[in-house]
Every structure is written in structure tokens, then in C-alpha cells.
Protein backbone atom coordinates (compact mmCIF):
# COMPACT_ATOMS: atom_id res chain seq x y z
CA UNK A 1 0.31 -0.02 0.00
CA UNK A 2 1.72 3.51 -1.25
CA UNK A 3 0.84 6.60 0.88
CA UNK A 4 3.15 9.58 2.25
CA UNK A 5 4.36 9.98 5.87
CA UNK A 6 1.81 13.28 5.85
CA UNK A 7 -1.18 10.70 4.81
CA UNK A 8 -0.34 8.89 7.49
CA UNK A 9 0.07 11.48 10.23
CA UNK A 10 -2.79 12.95 9.06
CA UNK A 11 -4.61 10.09 9.94
CA UNK A 12 -3.15 8.93 12.88
CA UNK A 13 -4.43 12.40 14.45
CA UNK A 14 -7.81 11.51 13.05
CA UNK A 15 -7.78 8.48 14.41
CA UNK A 16 -6.19 9.39 17.93
CA UNK A 17 -8.06 13.06 18.20
CA UNK A 18 -6.67 13.36 21.75
CA UNK A 19 -3.37 13.92 20.28
CA UNK A 20 -4.29 17.45 19.19
CA UNK A 21 -6.67 17.79 21.99
CA UNK A 22 -3.84 17.60 24.18
CA UNK A 23 -1.87 19.94 22.14
CA UNK A 24 0.44 17.04 21.15
CA UNK A 25 2.51 17.67 17.78
CA UNK A 26 3.35 14.25 15.43
CA UNK A 27 6.44 13.44 13.40
CA UNK A 28 7.43 10.80 11.62
CA UNK A 29 9.35 9.02 9.92
CA UNK A 30 9.82 5.67 8.17
CA UNK A 31 13.12 3.87 9.18
CA UNK A 32 14.00 0.89 6.49
CA UNK A 33 16.33 -1.03 8.30
CA UNK A 34 13.19 -2.05 11.03
CA UNK A 35 10.52 -1.62 8.17
CA UNK A 36 8.70 0.39 11.02
CA UNK A 37 7.73 4.52 10.92
CA UNK A 38 9.21 5.96 13.65
CA UNK A 39 6.74 7.98 15.74
CA UNK A 40 8.15 11.12 17.85
CA UNK A 41 5.48 12.64 19.87
CA UNK A 42 6.16 16.01 21.20
CA UNK A 43 4.78 18.57 23.37
CA UNK A 44 6.66 21.54 24.40
CA UNK A 45 10.40 20.64 25.45
CA UNK A 46 9.27 16.87 25.44
CA UNK A 47 9.55 14.21 23.52
CA UNK A 48 8.89 10.55 23.34
CA UNK A 49 9.35 8.23 20.48
CA UNK A 50 7.79 4.87 19.76
CA UNK A 51 7.57 2.85 16.52
CA UNK A 52 4.67 1.80 14.28
CA UNK A 53 5.07 -1.23 12.25
CA UNK A 54 4.29 -1.09 8.41
CA UNK A 55 1.80 -3.82 9.01
CA UNK A 56 0.35 -1.58 11.53
CA UNK A 57 0.30 1.63 9.47
CA UNK A 58 -1.08 0.44 6.76
CA UNK A 59 -3.96 -1.28 8.52
CA UNK A 60 -4.13 2.33 10.44
CA UNK A 61 -4.54 3.81 6.40
CA UNK A 62 -7.20 1.21 5.87
CA UNK A 63 -9.20 2.83 8.81
CA UNK A 64 -8.52 0.05 11.90
CA UNK A 65 -6.92 1.33 14.80
CA UNK A 66 -4.35 0.06 15.94
CA UNK A 67 -3.77 -0.96 19.46
CA UNK A 68 -0.05 -0.48 20.14
CA UNK A 69 -0.29 2.88 19.18
CA UNK A 70 -3.78 4.04 20.54
CA UNK A 71 -2.07 2.74 24.46
CA UNK A 72 1.31 4.03 22.93
CA UNK A 73 -0.92 7.32 22.74
CA UNK A 74 -2.42 6.59 26.30
CA UNK A 75 -0.04 6.13 27.86
CA UNK A 76 2.05 9.43 26.33
CA UNK A 77 -0.09 11.68 27.32
CA UNK A 78 -0.77 10.54 30.56
CA UNK A 79 3.35 10.97 31.13
CA UNK A 80 3.26 14.75 29.66
CA UNK A 81 0.91 15.54 32.32
CA UNK A 82 2.54 13.91 35.11
CA UNK A 83 5.68 15.59 34.20
CA UNK A 84 4.64 18.62 33.70
CA UNK A 85 2.70 18.39 37.25
CA UNK A 86 5.96 17.37 38.88
CA UNK A 87 7.40 20.61 36.87
CA UNK A 88 4.88 22.87 38.67
CA UNK A 89 5.27 20.98 42.03
CA UNK A 90 8.85 21.36 42.04
CA UNK A 91 9.49 25.63 40.43
């Protein structure tokens, strides 16, 4: 299945609206070595990185949610919020 990084990024943010709802930006690049997309979630100066297997990306483009990525998105948002809360407490 052929698609661009931009199209995949748009599909991910469409399928997981909590990404934009929590002001998290998404970047991705394809790694030939891993045959997977390297996905970067960034909010402020914090960045968390995961990967999305090519077959899971293909399914995503077909409108099938990737459970693994959904779990990662949820955990990343919790981590961002926990880091911000911790930063406020020590400030």
C-alpha cells in the first residue's frame, strides 16, 4: 500500500483526536532498517518516541485502529501530564 508520511500522520491524528486535544504534535519518519515508522510525540520541550510497524501503518491507513499505537498515545499523554505536574510541584 502506497501513502505518504503526511497522509499517515493525518490519519493517526484523525483516529486519535486526543493527540491534538492535548496539544501534542506528531512527527514520523520511515526506517528502512526496521521496516517501521519512527513516531515522535512532542509537547513543549518534551518528546517521546515509539515505532509503528509497517503492517500496522497499512491497517491504520485502511481505517483500522492500531491497538498498540492507541495504548502508546494514551500512555504518552499521561506521561506528558505527569511531567508537567511534577515540574509545577518542584518550581
